[in-house]
N, C-alpha and C. Protein backbone atom coordinates (compact mmCIF):
# COMPACT_ATOMS: atom_id res chain seq x y z
N MET A 1 4.64 -38.19 84.47
CA MET A 1 5.56 -38.58 83.40
C MET A 1 6.98 -38.12 83.78
N ALA A 2 7.97 -38.91 83.47
CA ALA A 2 9.36 -38.65 83.84
C ALA A 2 9.88 -37.37 83.22
N MET A 3 9.43 -37.03 82.00
CA MET A 3 9.93 -35.83 81.33
C MET A 3 9.54 -34.57 82.08
N ASP A 4 8.39 -34.59 82.76
CA ASP A 4 7.98 -33.42 83.55
C ASP A 4 8.99 -33.12 84.64
N VAL A 5 9.56 -34.17 85.23
CA VAL A 5 10.58 -33.99 86.24
C VAL A 5 11.80 -33.31 85.65
N GLN A 6 12.22 -33.73 84.43
CA GLN A 6 13.38 -33.10 83.78
C GLN A 6 13.07 -31.65 83.44
N GLN A 7 11.85 -31.36 82.96
CA GLN A 7 11.51 -29.99 82.64
C GLN A 7 11.50 -29.14 83.88
N ASP A 8 10.99 -29.66 84.98
CA ASP A 8 11.00 -28.92 86.25
C ASP A 8 12.42 -28.60 86.64
N ARG A 9 13.34 -29.57 86.49
CA ARG A 9 14.74 -29.34 86.88
C ARG A 9 15.35 -28.23 86.03
N VAL A 10 14.99 -28.18 84.72
CA VAL A 10 15.55 -27.17 83.89
C VAL A 10 15.10 -25.76 84.33
N SER A 11 13.79 -25.66 84.70
CA SER A 11 13.28 -24.31 85.01
C SER A 11 13.46 -23.92 86.46
N SER A 12 13.58 -24.88 87.39
CA SER A 12 13.59 -24.46 88.80
C SER A 12 14.85 -24.80 89.58
N ASP A 13 15.72 -25.67 89.11
CA ASP A 13 16.88 -26.06 89.90
C ASP A 13 18.15 -25.61 89.18
N ALA A 14 18.50 -24.34 89.38
CA ALA A 14 19.69 -23.82 88.68
C ALA A 14 20.98 -24.31 89.30
N SER A 15 20.95 -24.88 90.51
CA SER A 15 22.14 -25.29 91.16
C SER A 15 22.71 -26.60 90.59
N GLU A 16 21.89 -27.39 89.97
CA GLU A 16 22.34 -28.65 89.38
C GLU A 16 21.90 -28.76 87.96
N PRO A 17 22.79 -28.43 86.99
CA PRO A 17 22.39 -28.45 85.58
C PRO A 17 22.08 -29.84 85.08
N LEU A 18 21.20 -29.92 84.10
CA LEU A 18 20.79 -31.15 83.49
C LEU A 18 21.70 -31.38 82.26
N TYR A 19 22.25 -32.59 82.14
CA TYR A 19 23.12 -32.94 81.04
C TYR A 19 22.58 -34.17 80.32
N PHE A 20 22.78 -34.21 79.01
CA PHE A 20 22.63 -35.40 78.20
C PHE A 20 23.93 -35.56 77.47
N GLY A 21 24.73 -36.53 77.84
CA GLY A 21 26.08 -36.68 77.28
C GLY A 21 26.82 -35.38 77.52
N PRO A 22 27.49 -34.84 76.46
CA PRO A 22 28.27 -33.63 76.62
C PRO A 22 27.44 -32.35 76.54
N TYR A 23 26.12 -32.45 76.53
CA TYR A 23 25.27 -31.28 76.31
C TYR A 23 24.61 -30.84 77.62
N GLU A 24 24.82 -29.58 77.97
CA GLU A 24 24.16 -28.97 79.11
C GLU A 24 22.87 -28.30 78.66
N VAL A 25 21.77 -28.67 79.27
CA VAL A 25 20.47 -28.08 78.92
C VAL A 25 20.41 -26.67 79.45
N LEU A 26 19.97 -25.74 78.57
CA LEU A 26 19.83 -24.33 78.94
C LEU A 26 18.35 -23.94 79.11
N ASP A 27 17.50 -24.54 78.27
CA ASP A 27 16.10 -24.16 78.29
C ASP A 27 15.26 -25.20 77.55
N VAL A 28 13.97 -25.24 77.79
CA VAL A 28 13.05 -26.11 77.06
C VAL A 28 12.50 -25.31 75.87
N LEU A 29 12.64 -25.86 74.66
CA LEU A 29 12.12 -25.20 73.48
C LEU A 29 10.72 -25.67 73.11
N GLY A 30 10.48 -26.98 73.35
CA GLY A 30 9.19 -27.55 72.98
C GLY A 30 9.05 -28.97 73.47
N ASP A 31 7.81 -29.42 73.58
CA ASP A 31 7.53 -30.75 74.07
C ASP A 31 6.46 -31.38 73.19
N GLY A 32 6.68 -32.63 72.76
CA GLY A 32 5.72 -33.31 71.92
C GLY A 32 5.35 -34.64 72.49
N ALA A 33 4.68 -35.44 71.69
CA ALA A 33 4.20 -36.73 72.14
C ALA A 33 5.34 -37.73 72.41
N THR A 34 6.43 -37.61 71.68
CA THR A 34 7.50 -38.60 71.84
C THR A 34 8.81 -38.01 72.34
N ALA A 35 8.97 -36.72 72.29
CA ALA A 35 10.28 -36.12 72.63
C ALA A 35 10.12 -34.71 73.13
N THR A 36 11.16 -34.25 73.83
CA THR A 36 11.26 -32.85 74.22
C THR A 36 12.52 -32.27 73.55
N VAL A 37 12.38 -31.01 73.08
CA VAL A 37 13.52 -30.34 72.44
C VAL A 37 14.01 -29.26 73.37
N TYR A 38 15.30 -29.27 73.64
CA TYR A 38 15.96 -28.34 74.52
C TYR A 38 16.92 -27.46 73.76
N LYS A 39 17.14 -26.28 74.26
CA LYS A 39 18.26 -25.47 73.85
C LYS A 39 19.42 -25.92 74.76
N ALA A 40 20.55 -26.30 74.18
CA ALA A 40 21.63 -26.87 74.98
C ALA A 40 22.98 -26.34 74.45
N LYS A 41 24.01 -26.57 75.27
CA LYS A 41 25.36 -26.13 74.95
C LYS A 41 26.30 -27.33 75.08
N HIS A 42 27.14 -27.54 74.04
CA HIS A 42 28.14 -28.62 74.08
C HIS A 42 29.24 -28.19 75.07
N SER A 43 29.59 -29.01 76.02
CA SER A 43 30.50 -28.66 77.06
C SER A 43 31.93 -28.38 76.52
N ALA A 44 32.36 -29.05 75.48
CA ALA A 44 33.70 -28.85 74.96
C ALA A 44 33.80 -27.71 73.98
N THR A 45 32.85 -27.69 73.00
CA THR A 45 32.92 -26.68 71.94
C THR A 45 32.15 -25.38 72.26
N GLN A 46 31.30 -25.43 73.27
CA GLN A 46 30.44 -24.31 73.62
C GLN A 46 29.41 -23.97 72.53
N ALA A 47 29.26 -24.87 71.53
CA ALA A 47 28.27 -24.64 70.49
C ALA A 47 26.85 -24.80 71.05
N THR A 48 25.98 -23.91 70.65
CA THR A 48 24.59 -24.00 71.04
C THR A 48 23.83 -24.88 70.02
N VAL A 49 23.08 -25.83 70.52
CA VAL A 49 22.34 -26.77 69.68
C VAL A 49 20.90 -26.91 70.15
N ALA A 50 20.08 -27.46 69.29
CA ALA A 50 18.77 -27.93 69.68
C ALA A 50 18.93 -29.42 69.95
N LEU A 51 18.55 -29.84 71.12
CA LEU A 51 18.76 -31.23 71.57
C LEU A 51 17.40 -31.90 71.71
N LYS A 52 17.13 -32.87 70.85
CA LYS A 52 15.90 -33.60 70.90
C LYS A 52 16.09 -34.86 71.72
N VAL A 53 15.30 -35.03 72.80
CA VAL A 53 15.47 -36.15 73.72
C VAL A 53 14.18 -36.96 73.73
N LEU A 54 14.32 -38.24 73.43
CA LEU A 54 13.16 -39.15 73.43
C LEU A 54 12.66 -39.25 74.87
N HIS A 55 11.33 -39.20 75.04
CA HIS A 55 10.78 -39.33 76.37
C HIS A 55 11.22 -40.65 76.99
N PRO A 56 11.64 -40.67 78.24
CA PRO A 56 12.20 -41.85 78.91
C PRO A 56 11.25 -43.06 78.89
N ASP A 57 9.94 -42.82 78.92
CA ASP A 57 9.02 -43.95 78.94
C ASP A 57 8.93 -44.64 77.60
N LEU A 58 9.58 -44.07 76.56
CA LEU A 58 9.56 -44.68 75.21
C LEU A 58 10.89 -45.36 74.89
N ASP A 59 11.88 -45.29 75.79
CA ASP A 59 13.18 -45.88 75.51
C ASP A 59 13.14 -47.39 75.23
N ASP A 60 12.12 -48.07 75.81
CA ASP A 60 11.98 -49.50 75.58
C ASP A 60 11.05 -49.85 74.45
N ASP A 61 10.46 -48.85 73.82
CA ASP A 61 9.56 -49.07 72.66
C ASP A 61 10.43 -49.12 71.40
N ARG A 62 10.65 -50.33 70.92
CA ARG A 62 11.58 -50.49 69.77
C ARG A 62 11.14 -49.74 68.53
N VAL A 63 9.82 -49.68 68.28
CA VAL A 63 9.30 -48.98 67.10
C VAL A 63 9.59 -47.49 67.21
N LYS A 64 9.24 -46.88 68.34
CA LYS A 64 9.49 -45.45 68.55
C LYS A 64 10.98 -45.14 68.53
N LEU A 65 11.80 -45.99 69.12
CA LEU A 65 13.24 -45.77 69.14
C LEU A 65 13.80 -45.86 67.72
N LYS A 66 13.35 -46.79 66.93
CA LYS A 66 13.80 -46.96 65.55
C LYS A 66 13.37 -45.72 64.72
N ARG A 67 12.15 -45.21 64.94
CA ARG A 67 11.72 -44.01 64.23
C ARG A 67 12.56 -42.80 64.61
N PHE A 68 12.90 -42.70 65.91
CA PHE A 68 13.74 -41.64 66.40
C PHE A 68 15.11 -41.67 65.73
N GLU A 69 15.69 -42.87 65.65
CA GLU A 69 16.97 -43.06 65.01
C GLU A 69 16.90 -42.71 63.53
N LEU A 70 15.84 -43.14 62.84
CA LEU A 70 15.67 -42.84 61.44
C LEU A 70 15.49 -41.36 61.20
N GLU A 71 14.81 -40.67 62.11
CA GLU A 71 14.69 -39.22 61.97
C GLU A 71 16.05 -38.57 62.07
N TYR A 72 16.87 -39.02 63.01
CA TYR A 72 18.23 -38.51 63.14
C TYR A 72 19.03 -38.76 61.82
N LEU A 73 18.96 -39.97 61.32
CA LEU A 73 19.73 -40.33 60.10
C LEU A 73 19.29 -39.47 58.94
N ALA A 74 17.99 -39.25 58.78
CA ALA A 74 17.50 -38.44 57.69
C ALA A 74 17.97 -36.99 57.84
N CYS A 75 17.84 -36.44 59.04
CA CYS A 75 18.26 -35.06 59.29
C CYS A 75 19.80 -34.88 59.17
N SER A 76 20.53 -35.93 59.45
CA SER A 76 21.99 -35.83 59.35
C SER A 76 22.43 -35.80 57.89
N ARG A 77 21.59 -36.25 57.01
CA ARG A 77 21.92 -36.26 55.57
C ARG A 77 21.45 -35.01 54.85
N LEU A 78 20.68 -34.15 55.53
CA LEU A 78 20.20 -32.92 54.89
C LEU A 78 21.33 -31.90 54.89
N CYS A 79 21.49 -31.24 53.78
CA CYS A 79 22.51 -30.25 53.64
C CYS A 79 22.03 -29.11 52.77
N HIS A 80 21.39 -28.16 53.42
CA HIS A 80 20.86 -26.96 52.71
C HIS A 80 20.66 -25.87 53.76
N PRO A 81 20.94 -24.61 53.37
CA PRO A 81 20.75 -23.52 54.34
C PRO A 81 19.34 -23.37 54.88
N ASN A 82 18.33 -23.88 54.18
CA ASN A 82 16.93 -23.74 54.63
C ASN A 82 16.46 -24.96 55.42
N LEU A 83 17.34 -25.85 55.77
CA LEU A 83 16.98 -27.05 56.49
C LEU A 83 17.88 -27.22 57.72
N ILE A 84 17.31 -27.86 58.75
CA ILE A 84 18.06 -28.15 59.96
C ILE A 84 18.88 -29.40 59.77
N HIS A 85 20.13 -29.39 60.18
CA HIS A 85 21.06 -30.50 60.04
C HIS A 85 21.31 -31.10 61.43
N ALA A 86 21.15 -32.45 61.51
CA ALA A 86 21.46 -33.15 62.77
C ALA A 86 22.94 -33.47 62.77
N THR A 87 23.56 -33.30 63.98
CA THR A 87 25.02 -33.43 64.06
C THR A 87 25.51 -34.55 64.98
N ALA A 88 24.71 -35.05 65.87
CA ALA A 88 25.16 -36.09 66.79
C ALA A 88 23.97 -36.87 67.35
N PHE A 89 24.21 -38.16 67.60
CA PHE A 89 23.22 -39.06 68.17
C PHE A 89 23.85 -39.74 69.38
N GLY A 90 23.12 -39.87 70.43
CA GLY A 90 23.71 -40.53 71.61
C GLY A 90 22.68 -41.04 72.59
N GLN A 91 23.25 -41.65 73.66
CA GLN A 91 22.42 -42.12 74.76
C GLN A 91 23.16 -41.78 76.05
N HIS A 92 22.41 -41.29 77.02
CA HIS A 92 23.00 -40.89 78.31
C HIS A 92 22.06 -41.30 79.40
N ASP A 93 22.53 -42.10 80.33
CA ASP A 93 21.71 -42.59 81.44
C ASP A 93 20.35 -43.14 80.96
N GLY A 94 20.40 -43.88 79.86
CA GLY A 94 19.20 -44.52 79.34
C GLY A 94 18.34 -43.62 78.47
N SER A 95 18.68 -42.35 78.30
CA SER A 95 17.91 -41.43 77.44
C SER A 95 18.58 -41.25 76.12
N TYR A 96 17.80 -41.43 75.06
CA TYR A 96 18.33 -41.25 73.69
C TYR A 96 18.12 -39.80 73.27
N TYR A 97 19.11 -39.24 72.55
CA TYR A 97 18.97 -37.85 72.12
C TYR A 97 19.71 -37.69 70.79
N PHE A 98 19.36 -36.60 70.07
CA PHE A 98 20.20 -36.17 68.96
C PHE A 98 20.26 -34.64 68.94
N ALA A 99 21.45 -34.16 68.50
CA ALA A 99 21.71 -32.70 68.45
C ALA A 99 21.47 -32.23 67.03
N MET A 100 20.93 -31.03 66.92
CA MET A 100 20.67 -30.41 65.65
C MET A 100 21.13 -28.95 65.67
N ASP A 101 21.22 -28.35 64.49
CA ASP A 101 21.51 -26.92 64.44
C ASP A 101 20.45 -26.20 65.25
N TYR A 102 20.87 -25.19 65.96
CA TYR A 102 19.96 -24.31 66.70
C TYR A 102 19.77 -23.06 65.90
N VAL A 103 18.51 -22.67 65.66
CA VAL A 103 18.18 -21.49 64.93
C VAL A 103 17.39 -20.57 65.83
N GLU A 104 17.91 -19.38 66.01
CA GLU A 104 17.24 -18.37 66.86
C GLU A 104 16.05 -17.82 66.07
N GLY A 105 14.95 -17.59 66.77
CA GLY A 105 13.79 -16.97 66.16
C GLY A 105 12.52 -17.73 66.42
N VAL A 106 11.52 -17.43 65.60
CA VAL A 106 10.21 -18.07 65.79
C VAL A 106 9.91 -19.00 64.61
N THR A 107 9.02 -19.93 64.83
CA THR A 107 8.59 -20.84 63.78
C THR A 107 7.63 -20.11 62.88
N LEU A 108 7.35 -20.68 61.72
CA LEU A 108 6.40 -20.10 60.80
C LEU A 108 5.03 -20.02 61.48
N ALA A 109 4.66 -21.08 62.17
CA ALA A 109 3.35 -21.10 62.88
C ALA A 109 3.27 -20.00 63.93
N GLN A 110 4.37 -19.78 64.69
CA GLN A 110 4.38 -18.71 65.66
C GLN A 110 4.26 -17.33 64.99
N HIS A 111 4.98 -17.18 63.86
CA HIS A 111 4.89 -15.91 63.12
C HIS A 111 3.46 -15.63 62.68
N ILE A 112 2.79 -16.63 62.11
CA ILE A 112 1.42 -16.44 61.63
C ILE A 112 0.48 -16.20 62.83
N GLU A 113 0.70 -16.88 63.93
CA GLU A 113 -0.13 -16.65 65.12
C GLU A 113 0.01 -15.19 65.61
N ARG A 114 1.20 -14.66 65.55
CA ARG A 114 1.45 -13.29 66.06
C ARG A 114 1.10 -12.22 65.05
N GLN A 115 1.46 -12.46 63.78
CA GLN A 115 1.34 -11.42 62.79
C GLN A 115 0.14 -11.59 61.85
N GLY A 116 -0.51 -12.73 61.87
CA GLY A 116 -1.63 -13.01 60.99
C GLY A 116 -1.14 -13.70 59.73
N VAL A 117 -2.10 -13.95 58.84
CA VAL A 117 -1.81 -14.66 57.59
C VAL A 117 -0.75 -13.97 56.81
N LEU A 118 0.08 -14.78 56.15
CA LEU A 118 1.18 -14.22 55.29
C LEU A 118 0.57 -13.56 54.09
N SER A 119 1.20 -12.51 53.61
CA SER A 119 0.83 -11.88 52.38
C SER A 119 1.18 -12.84 51.25
N GLU A 120 0.67 -12.60 50.07
CA GLU A 120 0.99 -13.46 48.93
C GLU A 120 2.51 -13.47 48.67
N ALA A 121 3.16 -12.31 48.74
CA ALA A 121 4.59 -12.22 48.50
C ALA A 121 5.37 -13.01 49.57
N GLN A 122 4.95 -12.90 50.84
CA GLN A 122 5.61 -13.65 51.90
C GLN A 122 5.44 -15.16 51.70
N ALA A 123 4.22 -15.56 51.35
CA ALA A 123 3.96 -16.99 51.14
C ALA A 123 4.78 -17.53 49.99
N ARG A 124 4.89 -16.77 48.93
CA ARG A 124 5.74 -17.18 47.78
C ARG A 124 7.18 -17.33 48.20
N MET A 125 7.68 -16.40 49.02
CA MET A 125 9.07 -16.44 49.46
C MET A 125 9.32 -17.71 50.30
N VAL A 126 8.41 -18.03 51.20
CA VAL A 126 8.56 -19.27 52.00
C VAL A 126 8.48 -20.48 51.11
N ALA A 127 7.54 -20.49 50.16
CA ALA A 127 7.40 -21.65 49.28
C ALA A 127 8.64 -21.82 48.40
N ASP A 128 9.21 -20.71 47.93
CA ASP A 128 10.42 -20.75 47.12
C ASP A 128 11.61 -21.33 47.92
N GLN A 129 11.74 -20.88 49.15
CA GLN A 129 12.83 -21.38 50.02
C GLN A 129 12.67 -22.87 50.25
N LEU A 130 11.45 -23.31 50.48
CA LEU A 130 11.22 -24.71 50.70
C LEU A 130 11.48 -25.52 49.43
N ALA A 131 11.04 -25.00 48.29
CA ALA A 131 11.25 -25.71 47.02
C ALA A 131 12.74 -25.83 46.69
N GLN A 132 13.54 -24.80 47.06
CA GLN A 132 15.01 -24.88 46.82
C GLN A 132 15.64 -25.97 47.67
N ALA A 133 15.09 -26.22 48.84
CA ALA A 133 15.65 -27.20 49.73
C ALA A 133 15.29 -28.62 49.35
N VAL A 134 14.17 -28.83 48.69
CA VAL A 134 13.67 -30.20 48.42
C VAL A 134 14.65 -30.99 47.55
N PRO A 135 15.16 -30.46 46.42
CA PRO A 135 16.08 -31.30 45.62
C PRO A 135 17.30 -31.76 46.39
N SER A 136 17.80 -30.96 47.29
CA SER A 136 18.99 -31.34 48.02
C SER A 136 18.70 -32.39 49.08
N SER A 137 17.42 -32.58 49.42
CA SER A 137 17.10 -33.54 50.48
C SER A 137 16.46 -34.79 49.95
N THR A 138 16.47 -35.04 48.63
CA THR A 138 15.81 -36.23 48.11
C THR A 138 16.50 -37.51 48.56
N ASN A 139 17.79 -37.51 48.78
CA ASN A 139 18.45 -38.70 49.30
C ASN A 139 17.96 -39.06 50.69
N ALA A 140 17.81 -38.06 51.52
CA ALA A 140 17.28 -38.31 52.87
C ALA A 140 15.86 -38.80 52.87
N VAL A 141 15.04 -38.23 51.96
CA VAL A 141 13.66 -38.62 51.86
C VAL A 141 13.55 -40.06 51.36
N SER A 142 14.34 -40.43 50.35
CA SER A 142 14.27 -41.79 49.83
C SER A 142 14.80 -42.75 50.87
N PHE A 143 15.72 -42.33 51.70
CA PHE A 143 16.22 -43.17 52.77
C PHE A 143 15.10 -43.52 53.74
N ILE A 144 14.30 -42.54 54.11
CA ILE A 144 13.16 -42.79 55.05
C ILE A 144 12.15 -43.72 54.41
N ALA A 145 11.89 -43.55 53.13
CA ALA A 145 10.85 -44.34 52.43
C ALA A 145 11.22 -45.84 52.31
N THR A 146 12.51 -46.12 52.39
CA THR A 146 12.90 -47.55 52.20
C THR A 146 12.91 -48.30 53.51
């Protein structure tokens, strides 16, 4: 798969950095069925972002590309401290990407894997934070549904 080549370049070829538009890839954060998420730095602003890049073999799949674009549009409309905000969408050398806020730390799933099941108080805190974010994101959710 072509994305394996890009991941290998990120981890093993420090002499030639990987770029998507103005973003220099620093590290691989995760890989899924349709995209890879990188930690990246904007070359002009030096801002660190999470950069989601659609796998190159899906660039010609109109349905997957449209879903990717809709995901960006929904995330770009989210505005709450407990949600990730998308800031830019682009294409570079045939690869589609979008930039999002980068948050340092571990995911909830990683935390549970490392620390075990959340206590009732911790679970309530997470649920409360999520519930506070939902009303602010209803416009984005209704946009996806239409």
